[in-house]
Amino acid sequence: MSRRLAEPIRDAPAHLRPVAAVVALGANLGDTAGAIADATAELRALPLTASVVCSEPIESVAVTLDGPDPSKPGYLNAVALVRTRLAPSLLLRALHDIEERHGRVRRERWDDRTLDLDLIAYGDVASDDPRLLLPHPRAHERDFVLGPWAQVDPGARLPGRGPVADLLAALRAEGAS
């Protein structure tokens, strides 16, 4: 009996099975659409990565330390579902390497950027290590993460928070009030 390559190997040891990771992509400087497309291609080329499914990009207002700032260049955002056997720390390192290849400079928190890749979730892994916070501590507050994520995985759950669709609906209802 043959298996399709993208199908999980159910009888393999846990450390050999791909894990579903969620990566948020964003850019607000330069060729934002090109940066997201190139980063998605680079995610697909990562070792030990079985598949990458990326949402359609959406536009959003820049968020700064002081909150949304419409005077800043707007962002183009997307979410990629990545099935990988890379450990979460190695995946995060790969994301930072991709950012650096696209000219990302880390000067100021939440500054404008050519490319931003955030590891939102890695299976059900929870980590409070400051170098690898999982799930992402603000994902449940970000329409530009939840919307694209729900687009590519309508049944998604944010570990520790619940269904992504419910979080998105609550966030939008809160914004409407």
N, C-alpha and C. Protein backbone atom coordinates (compact mmCIF):
# COMPACT_ATOMS: atom_id res chain seq x y z
N MET A 1 0.85 -1.19 0.00
CA MET A 1 0.00 0.00 0.00
C MET A 1 0.89 1.24 0.00
N SER A 2 0.65 2.17 -0.89
CA SER A 2 1.47 3.38 -0.93
C SER A 2 0.75 4.52 -0.22
N ARG A 3 1.54 5.46 0.27
CA ARG A 3 1.00 6.64 0.94
C ARG A 3 1.36 7.87 0.14
N ARG A 4 0.47 8.85 0.18
CA ARG A 4 0.82 10.13 -0.43
C ARG A 4 1.85 10.80 0.45
N LEU A 5 2.77 11.55 -0.15
CA LEU A 5 3.86 12.16 0.62
C LEU A 5 3.36 13.16 1.66
N ALA A 6 2.30 13.89 1.37
CA ALA A 6 1.83 14.91 2.31
C ALA A 6 1.00 14.32 3.44
N GLU A 7 0.66 13.04 3.34
CA GLU A 7 -0.16 12.39 4.35
C GLU A 7 0.70 12.04 5.56
N PRO A 8 0.22 12.26 6.79
CA PRO A 8 1.04 11.95 7.96
C PRO A 8 1.28 10.45 8.08
N ILE A 9 2.42 10.12 8.63
CA ILE A 9 2.77 8.73 8.87
C ILE A 9 2.31 8.40 10.28
N ARG A 10 1.14 7.79 10.40
CA ARG A 10 0.51 7.60 11.70
C ARG A 10 1.23 6.60 12.60
N ASP A 11 1.91 5.63 12.03
CA ASP A 11 2.56 4.64 12.86
C ASP A 11 4.03 4.94 13.12
N ALA A 12 4.52 6.08 12.66
CA ALA A 12 5.91 6.48 12.90
C ALA A 12 6.05 7.00 14.33
N PRO A 13 7.24 6.89 14.91
CA PRO A 13 7.47 7.47 16.23
C PRO A 13 7.15 8.97 16.21
N ALA A 14 6.71 9.51 17.35
CA ALA A 14 6.28 10.91 17.42
C ALA A 14 7.34 11.87 16.90
N HIS A 15 8.62 11.62 17.18
CA HIS A 15 9.67 12.55 16.76
C HIS A 15 9.90 12.53 15.25
N LEU A 16 9.31 11.58 14.55
CA LEU A 16 9.46 11.52 13.10
C LEU A 16 8.24 12.05 12.36
N ARG A 17 7.15 12.31 13.07
CA ARG A 17 5.93 12.82 12.44
C ARG A 17 6.01 14.34 12.30
N PRO A 18 5.58 14.85 11.16
CA PRO A 18 5.54 16.31 11.03
C PRO A 18 4.56 16.93 12.02
N VAL A 19 4.89 18.12 12.48
CA VAL A 19 4.05 18.89 13.39
C VAL A 19 3.49 20.07 12.60
N ALA A 20 2.25 20.44 12.90
CA ALA A 20 1.64 21.60 12.26
C ALA A 20 2.07 22.86 13.01
N ALA A 21 2.82 23.69 12.33
CA ALA A 21 3.26 24.97 12.89
C ALA A 21 2.53 26.08 12.14
N VAL A 22 2.32 27.19 12.83
CA VAL A 22 1.65 28.35 12.24
C VAL A 22 2.63 29.51 12.24
N VAL A 23 2.86 30.08 11.06
CA VAL A 23 3.80 31.18 10.89
C VAL A 23 3.04 32.38 10.33
N ALA A 24 3.15 33.51 11.01
CA ALA A 24 2.57 34.76 10.51
C ALA A 24 3.63 35.49 9.71
N LEU A 25 3.24 36.01 8.55
CA LEU A 25 4.13 36.75 7.68
C LEU A 25 3.59 38.17 7.55
N GLY A 26 4.48 39.15 7.61
CA GLY A 26 4.06 40.53 7.45
C GLY A 26 5.20 41.37 6.90
N ALA A 27 4.85 42.44 6.21
CA ALA A 27 5.85 43.38 5.67
C ALA A 27 5.15 44.70 5.41
N ASN A 28 5.89 45.81 5.66
CA ASN A 28 5.32 47.11 5.33
C ASN A 28 6.33 48.04 4.67
N LEU A 29 7.47 47.51 4.27
CA LEU A 29 8.47 48.30 3.55
C LEU A 29 8.86 47.57 2.27
N GLY A 30 9.08 48.33 1.21
CA GLY A 30 9.54 47.74 -0.04
C GLY A 30 8.44 46.97 -0.76
N ASP A 31 8.85 45.94 -1.48
CA ASP A 31 7.93 45.10 -2.24
C ASP A 31 7.31 44.08 -1.28
N THR A 32 6.25 44.48 -0.60
CA THR A 32 5.66 43.62 0.45
C THR A 32 5.11 42.32 -0.13
N ALA A 33 4.42 42.39 -1.26
CA ALA A 33 3.87 41.17 -1.86
C ALA A 33 4.99 40.24 -2.30
N GLY A 34 6.04 40.79 -2.87
CA GLY A 34 7.18 39.99 -3.29
C GLY A 34 7.89 39.35 -2.10
N ALA A 35 8.02 40.11 -1.01
CA ALA A 35 8.69 39.57 0.19
C ALA A 35 7.90 38.39 0.76
N ILE A 36 6.57 38.53 0.80
CA ILE A 36 5.74 37.44 1.34
C ILE A 36 5.78 36.22 0.42
N ALA A 37 5.73 36.44 -0.87
CA ALA A 37 5.80 35.33 -1.82
C ALA A 37 7.15 34.63 -1.73
N ASP A 38 8.23 35.41 -1.67
CA ASP A 38 9.57 34.82 -1.57
C ASP A 38 9.74 34.07 -0.26
N ALA A 39 9.26 34.65 0.84
CA ALA A 39 9.38 33.99 2.15
C ALA A 39 8.59 32.67 2.16
N THR A 40 7.43 32.66 1.52
CA THR A 40 6.64 31.43 1.43
C THR A 40 7.41 30.36 0.67
N ALA A 41 8.05 30.75 -0.42
CA ALA A 41 8.86 29.81 -1.18
C ALA A 41 10.03 29.30 -0.34
N GLU A 42 10.63 30.17 0.45
CA GLU A 42 11.73 29.76 1.32
C GLU A 42 11.25 28.82 2.42
N LEU A 43 10.04 29.04 2.93
CA LEU A 43 9.48 28.11 3.92
C LEU A 43 9.32 26.73 3.29
N ARG A 44 8.84 26.69 2.06
CA ARG A 44 8.64 25.41 1.36
C ARG A 44 9.96 24.67 1.14
N ALA A 45 11.06 25.40 1.07
CA ALA A 45 12.37 24.80 0.81
C ALA A 45 13.10 24.38 2.09
N LEU A 46 12.51 24.65 3.25
CA LEU A 46 13.17 24.28 4.51
C LEU A 46 13.33 22.76 4.60
N PRO A 47 14.45 22.31 5.16
CA PRO A 47 14.61 20.86 5.34
C PRO A 47 13.56 20.33 6.32
N LEU A 48 13.24 19.05 6.18
CA LEU A 48 12.30 18.37 7.08
C LEU A 48 10.91 18.99 7.07
N THR A 49 10.58 19.69 5.99
CA THR A 49 9.29 20.34 5.88
C THR A 49 8.48 19.65 4.79
N ALA A 50 7.31 19.13 5.19
CA ALA A 50 6.48 18.34 4.28
C ALA A 50 5.59 19.19 3.40
N SER A 51 5.02 20.27 3.96
CA SER A 51 4.13 21.11 3.16
C SER A 51 4.00 22.49 3.79
N VAL A 52 3.62 23.44 2.95
CA VAL A 52 3.35 24.81 3.39
C VAL A 52 2.11 25.27 2.64
N VAL A 53 1.10 25.72 3.38
CA VAL A 53 -0.11 26.28 2.79
C VAL A 53 -0.22 27.70 3.30
N CYS A 54 -0.28 28.65 2.37
CA CYS A 54 -0.30 30.06 2.76
C CYS A 54 -1.64 30.70 2.41
N SER A 55 -2.11 31.55 3.31
CA SER A 55 -3.35 32.28 3.07
C SER A 55 -3.14 33.33 1.99
N GLU A 56 -4.24 33.90 1.54
CA GLU A 56 -4.16 35.08 0.69
C GLU A 56 -3.71 36.24 1.58
N PRO A 57 -2.88 37.13 1.08
CA PRO A 57 -2.45 38.28 1.88
C PRO A 57 -3.61 39.25 2.13
N ILE A 58 -3.57 39.90 3.27
CA ILE A 58 -4.53 40.95 3.61
C ILE A 58 -3.75 42.20 3.99
N GLU A 59 -4.40 43.33 3.91
CA GLU A 59 -3.78 44.59 4.32
C GLU A 59 -4.23 44.93 5.73
N SER A 60 -3.32 45.54 6.50
CA SER A 60 -3.66 45.95 7.86
C SER A 60 -2.90 47.23 8.22
N VAL A 61 -3.40 47.90 9.22
CA VAL A 61 -2.77 49.12 9.74
C VAL A 61 -1.57 48.70 10.58
N ALA A 62 -0.51 49.49 10.52
CA ALA A 62 0.67 49.23 11.34
C ALA A 62 0.31 49.32 12.82
N VAL A 63 0.82 48.38 13.60
CA VAL A 63 0.65 48.40 15.06
C VAL A 63 1.99 48.76 15.68
N THR A 64 1.99 49.77 16.54
CA THR A 64 3.20 50.21 17.22
C THR A 64 3.04 49.96 18.71
N LEU A 65 4.04 50.32 19.48
CA LEU A 65 3.95 50.18 20.94
C LEU A 65 2.76 50.95 21.50
N ASP A 66 2.38 52.04 20.81
CA ASP A 66 1.26 52.86 21.26
C ASP A 66 -0.08 52.44 20.66
N GLY A 67 -0.09 51.37 19.88
CA GLY A 67 -1.33 50.89 19.26
C GLY A 67 -1.32 51.11 17.76
N PRO A 68 -2.47 50.94 17.11
CA PRO A 68 -2.55 51.12 15.65
C PRO A 68 -2.14 52.54 15.24
N ASP A 69 -1.36 52.64 14.15
CA ASP A 69 -0.88 53.93 13.69
C ASP A 69 -1.07 54.05 12.18
N PRO A 70 -2.19 54.65 11.74
CA PRO A 70 -2.46 54.77 10.31
C PRO A 70 -1.49 55.71 9.58
N SER A 71 -0.66 56.48 10.31
CA SER A 71 0.31 57.35 9.65
C SER A 71 1.53 56.55 9.16
N LYS A 72 1.71 55.34 9.64
CA LYS A 72 2.83 54.47 9.22
C LYS A 72 2.42 53.72 7.96
N PRO A 73 3.41 53.23 7.20
CA PRO A 73 3.05 52.41 6.03
C PRO A 73 2.25 51.18 6.47
N GLY A 74 1.19 50.86 5.73
CA GLY A 74 0.36 49.71 6.05
C GLY A 74 1.09 48.40 5.79
N TYR A 75 0.61 47.37 6.43
CA TYR A 75 1.20 46.03 6.31
C TYR A 75 0.44 45.18 5.32
N LEU A 76 1.15 44.25 4.74
CA LEU A 76 0.57 43.13 4.03
C LEU A 76 0.86 41.93 4.91
N ASN A 77 -0.17 41.16 5.27
CA ASN A 77 -0.04 40.03 6.19
C ASN A 77 -0.59 38.76 5.58
N ALA A 78 -0.04 37.64 6.01
CA ALA A 78 -0.54 36.32 5.63
C ALA A 78 -0.17 35.35 6.75
N VAL A 79 -0.73 34.16 6.68
CA VAL A 79 -0.39 33.10 7.62
C VAL A 79 -0.10 31.85 6.81
N ALA A 80 0.96 31.16 7.21
CA ALA A 80 1.33 29.89 6.57
C ALA A 80 1.22 28.76 7.57
N LEU A 81 0.59 27.67 7.14
CA LEU A 81 0.57 26.44 7.92
C LEU A 81 1.73 25.60 7.39
N VAL A 82 2.63 25.26 8.27
CA VAL A 82 3.86 24.57 7.92
C VAL A 82 3.88 23.21 8.61
N ARG A 83 3.93 22.14 7.83
CA ARG A 83 4.07 20.79 8.41
C ARG A 83 5.55 20.44 8.35
N THR A 84 6.15 20.34 9.53
CA THR A 84 7.60 20.19 9.60
C THR A 84 8.02 19.25 10.72
N ARG A 85 9.21 18.70 10.56
CA ARG A 85 9.83 17.93 11.63
C ARG A 85 10.96 18.72 12.28
N LEU A 86 11.16 19.96 11.85
CA LEU A 86 12.14 20.82 12.52
C LEU A 86 11.67 21.10 13.93
N ALA A 87 12.56 21.05 14.89
CA ALA A 87 12.23 21.42 16.26
C ALA A 87 11.81 22.89 16.28
N PRO A 88 10.98 23.30 17.24
CA PRO A 88 10.51 24.70 17.25
C PRO A 88 11.66 25.71 17.28
N SER A 89 12.70 25.44 18.04
CA SER A 89 13.82 26.39 18.10
C SER A 89 14.54 26.48 16.76
N LEU A 90 14.65 25.35 16.04
CA LEU A 90 15.29 25.38 14.73
C LEU A 90 14.40 26.07 13.70
N LEU A 91 13.10 25.87 13.79
CA LEU A 91 12.18 26.56 12.90
C LEU A 91 12.27 28.07 13.13
N LEU A 92 12.29 28.49 14.39
CA LEU A 92 12.39 29.92 14.69
C LEU A 92 13.70 30.49 14.14
N ARG A 93 14.81 29.76 14.28
CA ARG A 93 16.09 30.21 13.75
C ARG A 93 16.00 30.36 12.22
N ALA A 94 15.34 29.40 11.57
CA ALA A 94 15.17 29.46 10.12
C ALA A 94 14.34 30.69 9.73
N LEU A 95 13.30 31.00 10.52
CA LEU A 95 12.48 32.19 10.24
C LEU A 95 13.33 33.45 10.35
N HIS A 96 14.16 33.54 11.38
CA HIS A 96 15.03 34.71 11.54
C HIS A 96 16.03 34.82 10.38
N ASP A 97 16.54 33.68 9.92
CA ASP A 97 17.47 33.69 8.78
C ASP A 97 16.77 34.22 7.52
N ILE A 98 15.54 33.79 7.29
CA ILE A 98 14.78 34.28 6.14
C ILE A 98 14.57 35.78 6.25
N GLU A 99 14.19 36.26 7.44
CA GLU A 99 14.02 37.71 7.65
C GLU A 99 15.30 38.46 7.31
N GLU A 100 16.42 37.97 7.81
CA GLU A 100 17.71 38.64 7.57
C GLU A 100 18.04 38.69 6.08
N ARG A 101 17.77 37.62 5.35
CA ARG A 101 18.02 37.61 3.91
C ARG A 101 17.17 38.66 3.19
N HIS A 102 16.06 39.04 3.80
CA HIS A 102 15.17 40.04 3.20
C HIS A 102 15.41 41.44 3.77
N GLY A 103 16.54 41.62 4.44
CA GLY A 103 16.91 42.95 4.92
C GLY A 103 16.31 43.36 6.24
N ARG A 104 15.75 42.44 7.00
CA ARG A 104 15.16 42.77 8.30
C ARG A 104 16.26 43.23 9.25
N VAL A 105 16.03 44.39 9.86
CA VAL A 105 16.93 44.94 10.86
C VAL A 105 16.12 45.10 12.13
N ARG A 106 16.63 44.60 13.25
CA ARG A 106 15.93 44.69 14.53
C ARG A 106 16.51 45.85 15.34
N ARG A 107 15.91 47.04 15.14
CA ARG A 107 16.36 48.22 15.88
C ARG A 107 15.42 48.52 17.03
N GLU A 108 14.15 48.56 16.70
CA GLU A 108 13.14 48.97 17.67
C GLU A 108 11.98 47.98 17.60
N ARG A 109 11.46 47.63 18.77
CA ARG A 109 10.33 46.70 18.80
C ARG A 109 9.16 47.31 18.03
N TRP A 110 8.54 46.52 17.17
CA TRP A 110 7.39 46.88 16.36
C TRP A 110 7.68 48.01 15.39
N ASP A 111 8.92 48.09 14.94
CA ASP A 111 9.32 49.08 13.95
C ASP A 111 8.88 48.61 12.56
N ASP A 112 8.91 49.51 11.57
CA ASP A 112 8.63 49.13 10.19
C ASP A 112 9.63 48.06 9.78
N ARG A 113 9.21 47.18 8.85
CA ARG A 113 10.11 46.09 8.46
C ARG A 113 9.84 45.60 7.05
N THR A 114 10.92 45.10 6.44
CA THR A 114 10.84 44.52 5.11
C THR A 114 10.18 43.15 5.16
N LEU A 115 10.33 42.45 6.28
CA LEU A 115 9.71 41.14 6.46
C LEU A 115 9.70 40.79 7.93
N ASP A 116 8.58 40.28 8.39
CA ASP A 116 8.43 39.83 9.77
C ASP A 116 7.82 38.45 9.74
N LEU A 117 8.49 37.48 10.33
CA LEU A 117 7.98 36.11 10.42
C LEU A 117 7.89 35.74 11.88
N ASP A 118 6.68 35.46 12.33
CA ASP A 118 6.46 35.08 13.73
C ASP A 118 5.97 33.66 13.81
N LEU A 119 6.57 32.88 14.71
CA LEU A 119 6.09 31.54 14.99
C LEU A 119 4.93 31.68 15.97
N ILE A 120 3.72 31.44 15.50
CA ILE A 120 2.51 31.64 16.30
C ILE A 120 2.21 30.42 17.16
N ALA A 121 2.31 29.25 16.57
CA ALA A 121 2.04 28.01 17.30
C ALA A 121 2.85 26.89 16.67
N TYR A 122 3.16 25.91 17.49
CA TYR A 122 3.89 24.72 17.04
C TYR A 122 3.20 23.53 17.68
N GLY A 123 2.24 22.97 16.93
CA GLY A 123 1.42 21.90 17.51
C GLY A 123 0.76 22.41 18.78
N ASP A 124 0.81 21.60 19.82
CA ASP A 124 0.27 21.99 21.13
C ASP A 124 1.36 22.41 22.10
N VAL A 125 2.56 22.68 21.60
CA VAL A 125 3.69 23.03 22.46
C VAL A 125 3.42 24.37 23.14
N ALA A 126 3.69 24.41 24.44
CA ALA A 126 3.63 25.64 25.22
C ALA A 126 5.03 25.91 25.76
N SER A 127 5.51 27.12 25.60
CA SER A 127 6.83 27.49 26.09
C SER A 127 6.80 28.92 26.62
N ASP A 128 7.34 29.10 27.82
CA ASP A 128 7.45 30.46 28.36
C ASP A 128 8.91 30.93 28.35
N ASP A 129 9.74 30.23 27.60
CA ASP A 129 11.13 30.65 27.41
C ASP A 129 11.10 31.97 26.64
N PRO A 130 11.72 33.03 27.17
CA PRO A 130 11.66 34.34 26.47
C PRO A 130 12.20 34.29 25.04
N ARG A 131 13.04 33.30 24.72
CA ARG A 131 13.56 33.19 23.36
C ARG A 131 12.60 32.46 22.44
N LEU A 132 11.60 31.77 23.02
CA LEU A 132 10.66 30.98 22.22
C LEU A 132 9.33 30.89 22.96
N LEU A 133 8.54 31.96 22.85
CA LEU A 133 7.23 31.99 23.50
C LEU A 133 6.22 31.31 22.61
N LEU A 134 5.60 30.25 23.11
CA LEU A 134 4.60 29.51 22.35
C LEU A 134 3.43 29.14 23.24
N PRO A 135 2.21 29.29 22.73
CA PRO A 135 1.91 30.01 21.49
C PRO A 135 2.26 31.49 21.62
N HIS A 136 2.28 32.19 20.51
CA HIS A 136 2.61 33.62 20.51
C HIS A 136 1.68 34.33 21.48
N PRO A 137 2.24 35.13 22.38
CA PRO A 137 1.43 35.72 23.46
C PRO A 137 0.37 36.73 23.03
N ARG A 138 0.47 37.29 21.83
CA ARG A 138 -0.51 38.29 21.39
C ARG A 138 -1.32 37.83 20.17
N ALA A 139 -1.16 36.60 19.76
CA ALA A 139 -1.87 36.12 18.56
C ALA A 139 -3.37 36.29 18.70
N HIS A 140 -3.92 36.04 19.87
CA HIS A 140 -5.37 36.12 20.08
C HIS A 140 -5.90 37.55 19.98
N GLU A 141 -4.99 38.54 19.95
CA GLU A 141 -5.37 39.96 19.87
C GLU A 141 -5.21 40.52 18.45
N ARG A 142 -4.78 39.70 17.53
CA ARG A 142 -4.39 40.18 16.21
C ARG A 142 -5.30 39.68 15.11
N ASP A 143 -6.19 40.56 14.65
CA ASP A 143 -7.07 40.25 13.53
C ASP A 143 -6.26 39.82 12.31
N PHE A 144 -5.10 40.46 12.10
CA PHE A 144 -4.29 40.17 10.92
C PHE A 144 -3.57 38.82 11.02
N VAL A 145 -3.63 38.18 12.16
CA VAL A 145 -3.15 36.79 12.31
C VAL A 145 -4.35 35.84 12.26
N LEU A 146 -5.36 36.13 13.05
CA LEU A 146 -6.51 35.22 13.16
C LEU A 146 -7.29 35.09 11.85
N GLY A 147 -7.50 36.21 11.14
CA GLY A 147 -8.27 36.17 9.89
C GLY A 147 -7.63 35.27 8.84
N PRO A 148 -6.35 35.51 8.50
CA PRO A 148 -5.71 34.63 7.52
C PRO A 148 -5.58 33.18 8.00
N TRP A 149 -5.37 32.99 9.30
CA TRP A 149 -5.26 31.64 9.84
C TRP A 149 -6.58 30.90 9.65
N ALA A 150 -7.69 31.56 9.98
CA ALA A 150 -9.01 30.94 9.81
C ALA A 150 -9.28 30.65 8.33
N GLN A 151 -8.73 31.47 7.45
CA GLN A 151 -8.92 31.26 6.00
C GLN A 151 -8.30 29.93 5.56
N VAL A 152 -7.09 29.62 6.04
CA VAL A 152 -6.41 28.41 5.59
C VAL A 152 -6.73 27.19 6.45
N ASP A 153 -7.29 27.41 7.65
CA ASP A 153 -7.64 26.30 8.53
C ASP A 153 -8.86 26.69 9.36
N PRO A 154 -10.06 26.58 8.79
CA PRO A 154 -11.28 27.02 9.48
C PRO A 154 -11.51 26.35 10.84
N GLY A 155 -10.97 25.16 11.06
CA GLY A 155 -11.14 24.47 12.33
C GLY A 155 -9.98 24.66 13.30
N ALA A 156 -9.10 25.61 13.01
CA ALA A 156 -7.89 25.80 13.83
C ALA A 156 -8.22 26.19 15.26
N ARG A 157 -7.32 25.80 16.15
CA ARG A 157 -7.41 26.15 17.56
C ARG A 157 -6.08 26.77 17.98
N LEU A 158 -6.13 27.87 18.70
CA LEU A 158 -4.94 28.47 19.29
C LEU A 158 -4.76 27.82 20.65
N PRO A 159 -3.68 27.06 20.84
CA PRO A 159 -3.50 26.36 22.11
C PRO A 159 -3.65 27.30 23.31
N GLY A 160 -4.45 26.86 24.26
CA GLY A 160 -4.69 27.64 25.47
C GLY A 160 -5.72 28.73 25.34
N ARG A 161 -6.22 28.98 24.12
CA ARG A 161 -7.18 30.06 23.88
C ARG A 161 -8.47 29.60 23.25
N GLY A 162 -8.42 28.55 22.43
CA GLY A 162 -9.63 28.02 21.82
C GLY A 162 -9.67 28.18 20.32
N PRO A 163 -10.86 27.96 19.74
CA PRO A 163 -11.01 28.03 18.29
C PRO A 163 -10.67 29.41 17.73
N VAL A 164 -9.87 29.40 16.68
CA VAL A 164 -9.45 30.65 16.04
C VAL A 164 -10.67 31.43 15.54
N ALA A 165 -11.65 30.74 14.96
CA ALA A 165 -12.85 31.42 14.46
C ALA A 165 -13.58 32.15 15.58
N ASP A 166 -13.67 31.54 16.77
CA ASP A 166 -14.33 32.18 17.91
C ASP A 166 -13.53 33.39 18.40
N LEU A 167 -12.20 33.25 18.44
CA LEU A 167 -11.35 34.37 18.87
C LEU A 167 -11.49 35.54 17.91
N LEU A 168 -11.53 35.22 16.61
CA LEU A 168 -11.67 36.26 15.59
C LEU A 168 -13.02 36.96 15.71
N ALA A 169 -14.09 36.18 15.89
CA ALA A 169 -15.44 36.77 16.03
C ALA A 169 -15.50 37.67 17.26
N ALA A 170 -14.92 37.24 18.36
CA ALA A 170 -14.93 38.06 19.59
C ALA A 170 -14.14 39.33 19.40
N LEU A 171 -12.99 39.23 18.73
CA LEU A 171 -12.16 40.40 18.48
C LEU A 171 -12.90 41.40 17.59
N ARG A 172 -13.56 40.91 16.57
CA ARG A 172 -14.29 41.80 15.66
C ARG A 172 -15.51 42.42 16.35
N ALA A 173 -16.18 41.64 17.20
CA ALA A 173 -17.32 42.17 17.95
C ALA A 173 -16.85 43.26 18.92
N GLU A 174 -15.72 43.05 19.53
CA GLU A 174 -15.16 44.04 20.46
C GLU A 174 -14.81 45.33 19.72
N GLY A 175 -14.27 45.21 18.50
CA GLY A 175 -13.93 46.38 17.70
C GLY A 175 -15.14 47.13 17.20
N ALA A 176 -16.26 46.43 17.08
CA ALA A 176 -17.49 47.05 16.58
C ALA A 176 -18.22 47.82 17.66
N SER A 177 -17.89 47.52 18.91
CA SER A 177 -18.64 48.18 20.01
C SER A 177 -18.08 49.53 20.38
